[in-house]
């Protein structure tokens, strides 16, 4: 990985090899996070952004939240803590407003373009009715609500800084060079039933998972907007996880579907990456990935 810093005046600085670095991804968190510590021979200028490249391809671009300079017995070091550019949308509160016939273009023009995002990509047509932006909602939440309700997608920011709302494609990857692995069965996370509130006020609509090993029920109000089927599916995915550590760097992780063979545990296919962290330190480079066990995995049951 090659690391560059972008200064406030737009100038660029090659940061060199970090003493240690950790780049983290979580499917449920919009922004990736990088923490990296670099040897330094002087106090650095203020850095606004950090960019990471692998083989000439950009893999991470983030705004700097912290720039910490430390003098230790081993010398001078600069720690940079940064988040990918989704953080700008998370950190900024949207103007409370009612948008009539909302569209990606109108949301971009009114709420997002002032934050420095020049382009937004996705279906551009307006939709009937109006969209109410409540006090306290972040720009990210407004964008996510619109994409989820009207486009059926989840937005993200690409390396070039464009907001992409046309849907995230899946990338199938074969994981290799497995250093270690752990297979987890977590029945306490599985739900057996979700009752949804009806128009008359009672919780009278049942959604169930007949394969759940233990009775665990949830009740969903009509105002919550939660999908009972989605809750059951998410709980099912979370109840079986495979954690693998692979030598080298495996990135980006959002949208990745992994296949992997683990000696003694078996073959696992079609596993979505739930979380992951790329590490670089004195032991070299490695990536730790938490995978949701896919429908097609063929674990070796004799290994337990």
C-alpha atoms as a PDB file:
ATOM      1  CA  UNK A   1       0.000   0.000   0.000  1.00  0.00           C
ATOM      2  CA  UNK A   2       1.167   3.528  -0.853  1.00  0.00           C
ATOM      3  CA  UNK A   3       0.020   6.396   1.391  1.00  0.00           C
ATOM      4  CA  UNK A   4      -0.401  10.021   0.306  1.00  0.00           C
ATOM      5  CA  UNK A   5      -1.526  13.034   2.313  1.00  0.00           C
ATOM      6  CA  UNK A   6      -3.454  15.963   0.847  1.00  0.00           C
ATOM      7  CA  UNK A   7      -2.775  19.314   2.516  1.00  0.00           C
ATOM      8  CA  UNK A   8      -5.200  22.207   3.015  1.00  0.00           C
ATOM      9  CA  UNK A   9      -3.788  24.049  -0.004  1.00  0.00           C
ATOM     10  CA  UNK A  10      -4.257  20.983  -2.233  1.00  0.00           C
ATOM     11  CA  UNK A  11      -0.606  19.964  -2.199  1.00  0.00           C
ATOM     12  CA  UNK A  12       0.288  16.294  -1.838  1.00  0.00           C
ATOM     13  CA  UNK A  13       2.837  14.595   0.417  1.00  0.00           C
ATOM     14  CA  UNK A  14       4.124  11.035   0.202  1.00  0.00           C
ATOM     15  CA  UNK A  15       3.723   9.776   3.766  1.00  0.00           C
ATOM     16  CA  UNK A  16       6.074   6.804   3.520  1.00  0.00           C
ATOM     17  CA  UNK A  17       5.642   3.389   5.077  1.00  0.00           C
ATOM     18  CA  UNK A  18       3.624   3.392   8.307  1.00  0.00           C
ATOM     19  CA  UNK A  19       5.028   1.762  11.402  1.00  0.00           C
ATOM     20  CA  UNK A  20       1.552   0.353  11.911  1.00  0.00           C
ATOM     21  CA  UNK A  21      -1.799   0.769  10.199  1.00  0.00           C
ATOM     22  CA  UNK A  22      -5.323  -0.600  10.554  1.00  0.00           C
ATOM     23  CA  UNK A  23      -8.052  -0.040   7.943  1.00  0.00           C
ATOM     24  CA  UNK A  24     -11.487  -1.160   9.147  1.00  0.00           C
ATOM     25  CA  UNK A  25     -14.773  -1.940   7.399  1.00  0.00           C
ATOM     26  CA  UNK A  26     -18.171  -2.749   8.901  1.00  0.00           C
ATOM     27  CA  UNK A  27     -21.210  -3.481   6.722  1.00  0.00           C
ATOM     28  CA  UNK A  28     -23.467  -1.600   9.157  1.00  0.00           C
ATOM     29  CA  UNK A  29     -21.203   1.481   9.340  1.00  0.00           C
ATOM     30  CA  UNK A  30     -21.284   3.860   6.363  1.00  0.00           C
ATOM     31  CA  UNK A  31     -17.669   5.019   6.719  1.00  0.00           C
ATOM     32  CA  UNK A  32     -14.458   2.982   6.727  1.00  0.00           C
ATOM     33  CA  UNK A  33     -11.774   4.059   9.212  1.00  0.00           C
ATOM     34  CA  UNK A  34      -7.991   4.211   8.949  1.00  0.00           C
ATOM     35  CA  UNK A  35      -5.572   4.566  11.856  1.00  0.00           C
ATOM     36  CA  UNK A  36      -1.935   4.794  10.813  1.00  0.00           C
ATOM     37  CA  UNK A  37       1.298   5.783  12.573  1.00  0.00           C
ATOM     38  CA  UNK A  38       4.171   7.132  10.471  1.00  0.00           C
ATOM     39  CA  UNK A  39       7.808   7.831  11.418  1.00  0.00           C
ATOM     40  CA  UNK A  40       8.622  11.535  10.945  1.00  0.00           C
ATOM     41  CA  UNK A  41      11.720  13.720  11.041  1.00  0.00           C
ATOM     42  CA  UNK A  42       9.759  16.944  11.646  1.00  0.00           C
ATOM     43  CA  UNK A  43       6.305  18.265  12.458  1.00  0.00           C
ATOM     44  CA  UNK A  44       4.102  17.788   9.397  1.00  0.00           C
ATOM     45  CA  UNK A  45       1.863  20.386   7.829  1.00  0.00           C
ATOM     46  CA  UNK A  46      -1.861  20.042   8.498  1.00  0.00           C
ATOM     47  CA  UNK A  47      -3.228  17.146   6.418  1.00  0.00           C
ATOM     48  CA  UNK A  48      -6.858  17.154   5.295  1.00  0.00           C
ATOM     49  CA  UNK A  49      -7.083  13.783   3.560  1.00  0.00           C
ATOM     50  CA  UNK A  50      -5.285  10.448   3.373  1.00  0.00           C
ATOM     51  CA  UNK A  51      -5.295   8.357   0.187  1.00  0.00           C
ATOM     52  CA  UNK A  52      -4.199   4.719  -0.049  1.00  0.00           C
ATOM     53  CA  UNK A  53      -3.226   3.014  -3.304  1.00  0.00           C
ATOM     54  CA  UNK A  54      -2.515  -0.603  -4.154  1.00  0.00           C
ATOM     55  CA  UNK A  55      -0.941  -1.330  -7.533  1.00  0.00           C
ATOM     56  CA  UNK A  56      -1.855   2.158  -8.743  1.00  0.00           C
ATOM     57  CA  UNK A  57      -5.528   1.714  -7.790  1.00  0.00           C
ATOM     58  CA  UNK A  58      -7.140   3.820  -5.077  1.00  0.00           C
ATOM     59  CA  UNK A  59      -8.498   1.698  -2.219  1.00  0.00           C
ATOM     60  CA  UNK A  60      -9.213   4.315   0.481  1.00  0.00           C
ATOM     61  CA  UNK A  61      -9.706   8.068   0.632  1.00  0.00           C
ATOM     62  CA  UNK A  62     -10.600   9.622   3.950  1.00  0.00           C
ATOM     63  CA  UNK A  63     -10.878  12.927   5.763  1.00  0.00           C
ATOM     64  CA  UNK A  64      -8.502  13.353   8.715  1.00  0.00           C
ATOM     65  CA  UNK A  65     -10.277  13.445  12.083  1.00  0.00           C
ATOM     66  CA  UNK A  66      -7.081  13.474  14.162  1.00  0.00           C
ATOM     67  CA  UNK A  67      -3.437  14.330  13.477  1.00  0.00           C
ATOM     68  CA  UNK A  68      -1.374  13.522  16.553  1.00  0.00           C
ATOM     69  CA  UNK A  69       2.390  14.119  16.750  1.00  0.00           C
ATOM     70  CA  UNK A  70       4.252  12.206  19.462  1.00  0.00           C
ATOM     71  CA  UNK A  71       7.856  12.168  20.618  1.00  0.00           C
ATOM     72  CA  UNK A  72       8.897   8.853  22.150  1.00  0.00           C
ATOM     73  CA  UNK A  73      12.176   7.189  23.082  1.00  0.00           C
ATOM     74  CA  UNK A  74      12.135   5.673  19.578  1.00  0.00           C
ATOM     75  CA  UNK A  75      11.718   8.985  17.773  1.00  0.00           C
ATOM     76  CA  UNK A  76       9.041  11.267  16.343  1.00  0.00           C
ATOM     77  CA  UNK A  77       5.791   9.774  15.031  1.00  0.00           C
ATOM     78  CA  UNK A  78       2.620  11.154  13.429  1.00  0.00           C
ATOM     79  CA  UNK A  79      -0.679   9.333  13.956  1.00  0.00           C
ATOM     80  CA  UNK A  80      -3.451   9.981  11.437  1.00  0.00           C
ATOM     81  CA  UNK A  81      -7.030   8.911  12.174  1.00  0.00           C
ATOM     82  CA  UNK A  82      -9.352   9.265   9.199  1.00  0.00           C
ATOM     83  CA  UNK A  83     -12.751   8.142   7.900  1.00  0.00           C
ATOM     84  CA  UNK A  84     -13.901   7.660   4.331  1.00  0.00           C
ATOM     85  CA  UNK A  85     -15.841  10.558   2.820  1.00  0.00           C
ATOM     86  CA  UNK A  86     -19.231   9.207   3.891  1.00  0.00           C
ATOM     87  CA  UNK A  87     -18.218  10.798   7.206  1.00  0.00           C
ATOM     88  CA  UNK A  88     -18.945  14.270   5.781  1.00  0.00           C
ATOM     89  CA  UNK A  89     -22.555  13.243   5.204  1.00  0.00           C
ATOM     90  CA  UNK A  90     -22.781  11.682   8.658  1.00  0.00           C
ATOM     91  CA  UNK A  91     -21.304  14.689  10.464  1.00  0.00           C
ATOM     92  CA  UNK A  92     -23.467  17.350   8.827  1.00  0.00           C
ATOM     93  CA  UNK A  93     -27.043  17.980   9.884  1.00  0.00           C
ATOM     94  CA  UNK A  94     -29.531  18.448   7.054  1.00  0.00           C
ATOM     95  CA  UNK A  95     -31.625  21.604   6.878  1.00  0.00           C
ATOM     96  CA  UNK A  96     -35.149  20.864   8.131  1.00  0.00           C
ATOM     97  CA  UNK A  97     -37.276  21.290   5.043  1.00  0.00           C
ATOM     98  CA  UNK A  98     -40.117  19.816   3.012  1.00  0.00           C
ATOM     99  CA  UNK A  99     -38.951  18.828  -0.473  1.00  0.00           C
ATOM    100  CA  UNK A 100     -41.796  18.609  -2.976  1.00  0.00           C
ATOM    101  CA  UNK A 101     -41.434  15.950  -5.677  1.00  0.00           C
ATOM    102  CA  UNK A 102     -38.032  14.880  -4.326  1.00  0.00           C
ATOM    103  CA  UNK A 103     -35.276  13.526  -6.553  1.00  0.00           C
ATOM    104  CA  UNK A 104     -31.591  12.736  -6.234  1.00  0.00           C
ATOM    105  CA  UNK A 105     -30.883  15.972  -8.069  1.00  0.00           C
ATOM    106  CA  UNK A 106     -32.933  18.110  -5.664  1.00  0.00           C
ATOM    107  CA  UNK A 107     -31.452  16.425  -2.574  1.00  0.00           C
ATOM    108  CA  UNK A 108     -27.947  16.816  -3.990  1.00  0.00           C
ATOM    109  CA  UNK A 109     -28.447  20.478  -4.868  1.00  0.00           C
ATOM    110  CA  UNK A 110     -30.000  21.475  -1.559  1.00  0.00           C
ATOM    111  CA  UNK A 111     -28.242  19.321   1.040  1.00  0.00           C
ATOM    112  CA  UNK A 112     -25.156  17.601  -0.361  1.00  0.00           C
ATOM    113  CA  UNK A 113     -23.455  19.782  -2.960  1.00  0.00           C
ATOM    114  CA  UNK A 114     -22.593  22.456  -0.330  1.00  0.00           C
ATOM    115  CA  UNK A 115     -20.482  19.808   1.437  1.00  0.00           C
ATOM    116  CA  UNK A 116     -18.164  19.504  -1.560  1.00  0.00           C
ATOM    117  CA  UNK A 117     -19.703  16.567  -3.423  1.00  0.00           C
ATOM    118  CA  UNK A 118     -19.787  17.608  -7.057  1.00  0.00           C
ATOM    119  CA  UNK A 119     -21.548  14.600  -8.579  1.00  0.00           C
ATOM    120  CA  UNK A 120     -24.234  12.129  -7.610  1.00  0.00           C
ATOM    121  CA  UNK A 121     -25.045   9.104  -9.763  1.00  0.00           C
ATOM    122  CA  UNK A 122     -28.300   7.203  -9.879  1.00  0.00           C
ATOM    123  CA  UNK A 123     -31.845   7.371 -11.225  1.00  0.00           C
ATOM    124  CA  UNK A 124     -32.521  11.081 -11.588  1.00  0.00           C
ATOM    125  CA  UNK A 125     -36.307  11.276 -11.953  1.00  0.00           C
ATOM    126  CA  UNK A 126     -38.497  12.926  -9.329  1.00  0.00           C
ATOM    127  CA  UNK A 127     -41.129  11.034  -7.348  1.00  0.00           C
ATOM    128  CA  UNK A 128     -44.673  12.157  -6.464  1.00  0.00           C
ATOM    129  CA  UNK A 129     -45.494  13.681  -3.118  1.00  0.00           C
ATOM    130  CA  UNK A 130     -43.116  15.298  -0.684  1.00  0.00           C
ATOM    131  CA  UNK A 131     -40.218  14.362   1.564  1.00  0.00           C
ATOM    132  CA  UNK A 132     -40.033  15.848   5.054  1.00  0.00           C
ATOM    133  CA  UNK A 133     -36.538  16.367   6.473  1.00  0.00           C
ATOM    134  CA  UNK A 134     -36.840  16.395  10.251  1.00  0.00           C
ATOM    135  CA  UNK A 135     -34.698  18.491  12.604  1.00  0.00           C
ATOM    136  CA  UNK A 136     -31.588  16.572  13.650  1.00  0.00           C
ATOM    137  CA  UNK A 137     -31.434  14.234  10.654  1.00  0.00           C
ATOM    138  CA  UNK A 138     -28.000  13.921   9.069  1.00  0.00           C
ATOM    139  CA  UNK A 139     -27.456  14.405   5.353  1.00  0.00           C
ATOM    140  CA  UNK A 140     -26.510  10.725   5.202  1.00  0.00           C
ATOM    141  CA  UNK A 141     -29.810   9.656   6.776  1.00  0.00           C
ATOM    142  CA  UNK A 142     -31.821  11.757   4.336  1.00  0.00           C
ATOM    143  CA  UNK A 143     -29.950  10.303   1.366  1.00  0.00           C
ATOM    144  CA  UNK A 144     -30.268   6.734   2.705  1.00  0.00           C
ATOM    145  CA  UNK A 145     -34.000   7.151   3.340  1.00  0.00           C
ATOM    146  CA  UNK A 146     -34.598   8.392  -0.199  1.00  0.00           C
ATOM    147  CA  UNK A 147     -32.453   5.677  -1.834  1.00  0.00           C
ATOM    148  CA  UNK A 148     -33.996   2.925   0.260  1.00  0.00           C
ATOM    149  CA  UNK A 149     -37.620   3.958  -0.227  1.00  0.00           C
ATOM    150  CA  UNK A 150     -37.606   5.046  -3.867  1.00  0.00           C
ATOM    151  CA  UNK A 151     -34.589   3.387  -5.512  1.00  0.00           C
ATOM    152  CA  UNK A 152     -34.146   0.214  -3.456  1.00  0.00           C
ATOM    153  CA  UNK A 153     -30.416   0.895  -3.090  1.00  0.00           C
ATOM    154  CA  UNK A 154     -27.831   1.914  -0.489  1.00  0.00           C
ATOM    155  CA  UNK A 155     -25.596   4.887  -1.322  1.00  0.00           C
ATOM    156  CA  UNK A 156     -21.822   5.025  -0.989  1.00  0.00           C
ATOM    157  CA  UNK A 157     -18.977   7.368  -1.936  1.00  0.00           C
ATOM    158  CA  UNK A 158     -16.395   6.084  -4.408  1.00  0.00           C
ATOM    159  CA  UNK A 159     -12.661   6.870  -4.375  1.00  0.00           C
ATOM    160  CA  UNK A 160     -13.117   9.823  -6.736  1.00  0.00           C
ATOM    161  CA  UNK A 161     -15.578  11.437  -4.320  1.00  0.00           C
ATOM    162  CA  UNK A 162     -18.724  10.782  -6.366  1.00  0.00           C
ATOM    163  CA  UNK A 163     -21.875   9.671  -4.517  1.00  0.00           C
ATOM    164  CA  UNK A 164     -23.150   6.442  -6.055  1.00  0.00           C
ATOM    165  CA  UNK A 165     -26.835   5.596  -5.648  1.00  0.00           C
ATOM    166  CA  UNK A 166     -27.351   3.100  -8.457  1.00  0.00           C
ATOM    167  CA  UNK A 167     -26.665   0.061  -6.273  1.00  0.00           C
ATOM    168  CA  UNK A 168     -23.517  -1.722  -5.202  1.00  0.00           C
ATOM    169  CA  UNK A 169     -22.579  -4.691  -7.346  1.00  0.00           C
ATOM    170  CA  UNK A 170     -21.219  -7.875  -5.814  1.00  0.00           C
ATOM    171  CA  UNK A 171     -17.638  -8.989  -6.389  1.00  0.00           C
ATOM    172  CA  UNK A 172     -16.890 -12.711  -5.974  1.00  0.00           C
ATOM    173  CA  UNK A 173     -13.444 -13.403  -4.495  1.00  0.00           C
ATOM    174  CA  UNK A 174     -11.550 -16.585  -3.606  1.00  0.00           C
ATOM    175  CA  UNK A 175      -9.695 -16.026  -0.327  1.00  0.00           C
ATOM    176  CA  UNK A 176      -6.248 -17.596  -0.152  1.00  0.00           C
ATOM    177  CA  UNK A 177      -3.254 -17.795   2.187  1.00  0.00           C
ATOM    178  CA  UNK A 178      -5.393 -18.433   5.277  1.00  0.00           C
ATOM    179  CA  UNK A 179      -3.306 -18.056   8.443  1.00  0.00           C
ATOM    180  CA  UNK A 180      -6.004 -18.822  11.012  1.00  0.00           C
ATOM    181  CA  UNK A 181      -9.765 -19.274  11.229  1.00  0.00           C
ATOM    182  CA  UNK A 182     -12.605 -19.548  13.728  1.00  0.00           C
ATOM    183  CA  UNK A 183     -16.079 -20.947  13.067  1.00  0.00           C
ATOM    184  CA  UNK A 184     -18.828 -19.578  15.342  1.00  0.00           C
ATOM    185  CA  UNK A 185     -22.322 -20.930  15.934  1.00  0.00           C
ATOM    186  CA  UNK A 186     -24.358 -18.276  17.794  1.00  0.00           C
ATOM    187  CA  UNK A 187     -27.885 -19.617  18.364  1.00  0.00           C
ATOM    188  CA  UNK A 188     -28.675 -16.810  20.826  1.00  0.00           C
ATOM    189  CA  UNK A 189     -28.844 -14.383  17.889  1.00  0.00           C
ATOM    190  CA  UNK A 190     -31.469 -16.386  15.982  1.00  0.00           C
ATOM    191  CA  UNK A 191     -35.111 -15.236  16.114  1.00  0.00           C
ATOM    192  CA  UNK A 192     -37.962 -17.722  15.968  1.00  0.00           C
ATOM    193  CA  UNK A 193     -40.836 -15.266  15.469  1.00  0.00           C
ATOM    194  CA  UNK A 194     -41.583 -11.610  14.778  1.00  0.00           C
ATOM    195  CA  UNK A 195     -45.089 -10.277  15.391  1.00  0.00           C
ATOM    196  CA  UNK A 196     -46.083  -7.129  13.492  1.00  0.00           C
ATOM    197  CA  UNK A 197     -48.690  -4.640  14.652  1.00  0.00           C
ATOM    198  CA  UNK A 198     -51.803  -4.424  12.481  1.00  0.00           C
ATOM    199  CA  UNK A 199     -54.101  -1.512  11.655  1.00  0.00           C
ATOM    200  CA  UNK A 200     -56.312  -2.279  14.652  1.00  0.00           C
ATOM    201  CA  UNK A 201     -53.415  -1.938  17.072  1.00  0.00           C
ATOM    202  CA  UNK A 202     -52.887  -5.576  17.941  1.00  0.00           C
ATOM    203  CA  UNK A 203     -49.768  -7.579  17.125  1.00  0.00           C
ATOM    204  CA  UNK A 204     -51.578 -10.153  15.019  1.00  0.00           C
ATOM    205  CA  UNK A 205     -49.357 -10.804  11.979  1.00  0.00           C
ATOM    206  CA  UNK A 206     -46.794 -13.540  12.504  1.00  0.00           C
ATOM    207  CA  UNK A 207     -43.519 -14.044  10.626  1.00  0.00           C
ATOM    208  CA  UNK A 208     -41.576 -17.096  11.757  1.00  0.00           C
ATOM    209  CA  UNK A 209     -38.397 -19.082  11.269  1.00  0.00           C
ATOM    210  CA  UNK A 210     -39.381 -22.720  11.882  1.00  0.00           C
ATOM    211  CA  UNK A 211     -35.731 -23.819  11.848  1.00  0.00           C
ATOM    212  CA  UNK A 212     -34.729 -21.590  14.778  1.00  0.00           C
ATOM    213  CA  UNK A 213     -33.355 -23.821  17.573  1.00  0.00           C
ATOM    214  CA  UNK A 214     -34.676 -21.706  20.480  1.00  0.00           C
ATOM    215  CA  UNK A 215     -37.846 -19.639  21.002  1.00  0.00           C
ATOM    216  CA  UNK A 216     -37.016 -15.913  20.753  1.00  0.00           C
ATOM    217  CA  UNK A 217     -39.765 -13.465  19.830  1.00  0.00           C
ATOM    218  CA  UNK A 218     -39.833  -9.813  18.822  1.00  0.00           C
ATOM    219  CA  UNK A 219     -42.723  -7.359  18.321  1.00  0.00           C
ATOM    220  CA  UNK A 220     -42.628  -4.619  15.694  1.00  0.00           C
ATOM    221  CA  UNK A 221     -44.850  -1.543  15.827  1.00  0.00           C
ATOM    222  CA  UNK A 222     -46.532  -0.228  12.703  1.00  0.00           C
ATOM    223  CA  UNK A 223     -44.572   3.047  13.009  1.00  0.00           C
ATOM    224  CA  UNK A 224     -41.125   1.475  13.235  1.00  0.00           C
ATOM    225  CA  UNK A 225     -40.758   0.846   9.519  1.00  0.00           C
ATOM    226  CA  UNK A 226     -38.874  -2.382  10.232  1.00  0.00           C
ATOM    227  CA  UNK A 227     -39.329  -5.391   7.977  1.00  0.00           C
ATOM    228  CA  UNK A 228     -40.058  -8.583   9.964  1.00  0.00           C
ATOM    229  CA  UNK A 229     -38.737 -10.804   7.158  1.00  0.00           C
ATOM    230  CA  UNK A 230     -35.547  -8.760   7.071  1.00  0.00           C
ATOM    231  CA  UNK A 231     -35.181  -9.074  10.850  1.00  0.00           C
ATOM    232  CA  UNK A 232     -35.480 -12.870  10.653  1.00  0.00           C
ATOM    233  CA  UNK A 233     -32.989 -13.081   7.787  1.00  0.00           C
ATOM    234  CA  UNK A 234     -30.484 -10.781   9.478  1.00  0.00           C
ATOM    235  CA  UNK A 235     -30.695 -12.766  12.715  1.00  0.00           C
ATOM    236  CA  UNK A 236     -30.151 -15.967  10.768  1.00  0.00           C
ATOM    237  CA  UNK A 237     -27.056 -14.562   9.051  1.00  0.00           C
ATOM    238  CA  UNK A 238     -25.612 -13.332  12.343  1.00  0.00           C
ATOM    239  CA  UNK A 239     -26.040 -16.731  14.014  1.00  0.00           C
ATOM    240  CA  UNK A 240     -23.297 -18.385  11.968  1.00  0.00           C
ATOM    241  CA  UNK A 241     -20.009 -16.582  11.345  1.00  0.00           C
ATOM    242  CA  UNK A 242     -16.626 -17.575   9.978  1.00  0.00           C
ATOM    243  CA  UNK A 243     -13.594 -15.442  10.851  1.00  0.00           C
ATOM    244  CA  UNK A 244     -10.488 -15.871   8.718  1.00  0.00           C
ATOM    245  CA  UNK A 245      -7.119 -14.136   8.762  1.00  0.00           C
ATOM    246  CA  UNK A 246      -5.370 -14.043   5.378  1.00  0.00           C
ATOM    247  CA  UNK A 247      -1.829 -12.982   4.588  1.00  0.00           C
ATOM    248  CA  UNK A 248      -1.551  -9.736   2.618  1.00  0.00           C
ATOM    249  CA  UNK A 249      -4.138  -7.099   1.828  1.00  0.00           C
ATOM    250  CA  UNK A 250      -7.710  -7.885   0.768  1.00  0.00           C
ATOM    251  CA  UNK A 251      -9.582  -4.673  -0.107  1.00  0.00           C
ATOM    252  CA  UNK A 252     -12.140  -3.167  -0.753  1.00  0.00           C
ATOM    253  CA  UNK A 253     -14.597  -5.272   1.236  1.00  0.00           C
ATOM    254  CA  UNK A 254     -17.971  -3.579   0.640  1.00  0.00           C
ATOM    255  CA  UNK A 255     -19.928  -5.740  -1.793  1.00  0.00           C
ATOM    256  CA  UNK A 256     -17.484  -8.636  -1.559  1.00  0.00           C
ATOM    257  CA  UNK A 257     -18.792 -12.216  -1.621  1.00  0.00           C
ATOM    258  CA  UNK A 258     -16.086 -14.622  -0.511  1.00  0.00           C
ATOM    259  CA  UNK A 259     -15.318 -18.287  -1.151  1.00  0.00           C
ATOM    260  CA  UNK A 260     -12.699 -19.930   1.041  1.00  0.00           C
ATOM    261  CA  UNK A 261     -11.343 -23.375   1.879  1.00  0.00           C
ATOM    262  CA  UNK A 262     -10.146 -23.849   5.456  1.00  0.00           C
ATOM    263  CA  UNK A 263      -8.189 -26.999   6.356  1.00  0.00           C
ATOM    264  CA  UNK A 264     -10.067 -28.979   8.990  1.00  0.00           C
ATOM    265  CA  UNK A 265     -13.213 -26.859   8.728  1.00  0.00           C
ATOM    266  CA  UNK A 266     -14.262 -27.290   5.127  1.00  0.00           C
ATOM    267  CA  UNK A 267     -15.263 -25.255   2.101  1.00  0.00           C
ATOM    268  CA  UNK A 268     -17.414 -22.125   2.447  1.00  0.00           C
ATOM    269  CA  UNK A 269     -18.995 -20.422  -0.554  1.00  0.00           C
ATOM    270  CA  UNK A 270     -21.080 -17.313  -1.140  1.00  0.00           C
ATOM    271  CA  UNK A 271     -20.178 -15.661   2.176  1.00  0.00           C
ATOM    272  CA  UNK A 272     -20.854 -11.935   2.498  1.00  0.00           C
ATOM    273  CA  UNK A 273     -18.146  -9.962   4.299  1.00  0.00           C
ATOM    274  CA  UNK A 274     -19.736  -8.522   7.432  1.00  0.00           C
ATOM    275  CA  UNK A 275     -16.643  -6.843   8.929  1.00  0.00           C
ATOM    276  CA  UNK A 276     -12.970  -6.685   8.145  1.00  0.00           C
ATOM    277  CA  UNK A 277      -9.673  -5.050   9.090  1.00  0.00           C
ATOM    278  CA  UNK A 278      -6.464  -4.738   7.126  1.00  0.00           C
ATOM    279  CA  UNK A 279      -3.366  -4.623   9.361  1.00  0.00           C
ATOM    280  CA  UNK A 280       0.186  -3.584   8.703  1.00  0.00           C
ATOM    281  CA  UNK A 281       2.815  -3.765  11.455  1.00  0.00           C
ATOM    282  CA  UNK A 282       6.102  -5.452  12.314  1.00  0.00           C
ATOM    283  CA  UNK A 283       4.566  -8.827  11.430  1.00  0.00           C
ATOM    284  CA  UNK A 284       3.779  -7.750   7.867  1.00  0.00           C
ATOM    285  CA  UNK A 285       0.393  -7.379   6.163  1.00  0.00           C
ATOM    286  CA  UNK A 286      -2.732  -9.396   6.895  1.00  0.00           C
ATOM    287  CA  UNK A 287      -6.503  -9.029   6.662  1.00  0.00           C
ATOM    288  CA  UNK A 288      -9.031 -10.271   9.194  1.00  0.00           C
ATOM    289  CA  UNK A 289     -12.491 -10.909   7.729  1.00  0.00           C
ATOM    290  CA  UNK A 290     -15.734 -11.841   9.472  1.00  0.00           C
ATOM    291  CA  UNK A 291     -17.927 -13.730   7.003  1.00  0.00           C
ATOM    292  CA  UNK A 292     -21.593 -14.603   7.109  1.00  0.00           C
ATOM    293  CA  UNK A 293     -21.772 -18.290   6.276  1.00  0.00           C
ATOM    294  CA  UNK A 294     -23.226 -18.653   2.811  1.00  0.00           C
ATOM    295  CA  UNK A 295     -26.075 -20.927   1.782  1.00  0.00           C
ATOM    296  CA  UNK A 296     -23.670 -23.027  -0.240  1.00  0.00           C
ATOM    297  CA  UNK A 297     -21.031 -23.709   2.388  1.00  0.00           C
ATOM    298  CA  UNK A 298     -20.083 -27.300   3.044  1.00  0.00           C
ATOM    299  CA  UNK A 299     -18.420 -27.237   6.424  1.00  0.00           C
ATOM    300  CA  UNK A 300     -16.763 -30.431   7.585  1.00  0.00           C
ATOM    301  CA  UNK A 301     -18.980 -31.410  10.490  1.00  0.00           C
ATOM    302  CA  UNK A 302     -16.403 -33.902  11.746  1.00  0.00           C
ATOM    303  CA  UNK A 303     -14.108 -30.994  12.558  1.00  0.00           C
ATOM    304  CA  UNK A 304     -16.205 -29.988  15.587  1.00  0.00           C
END
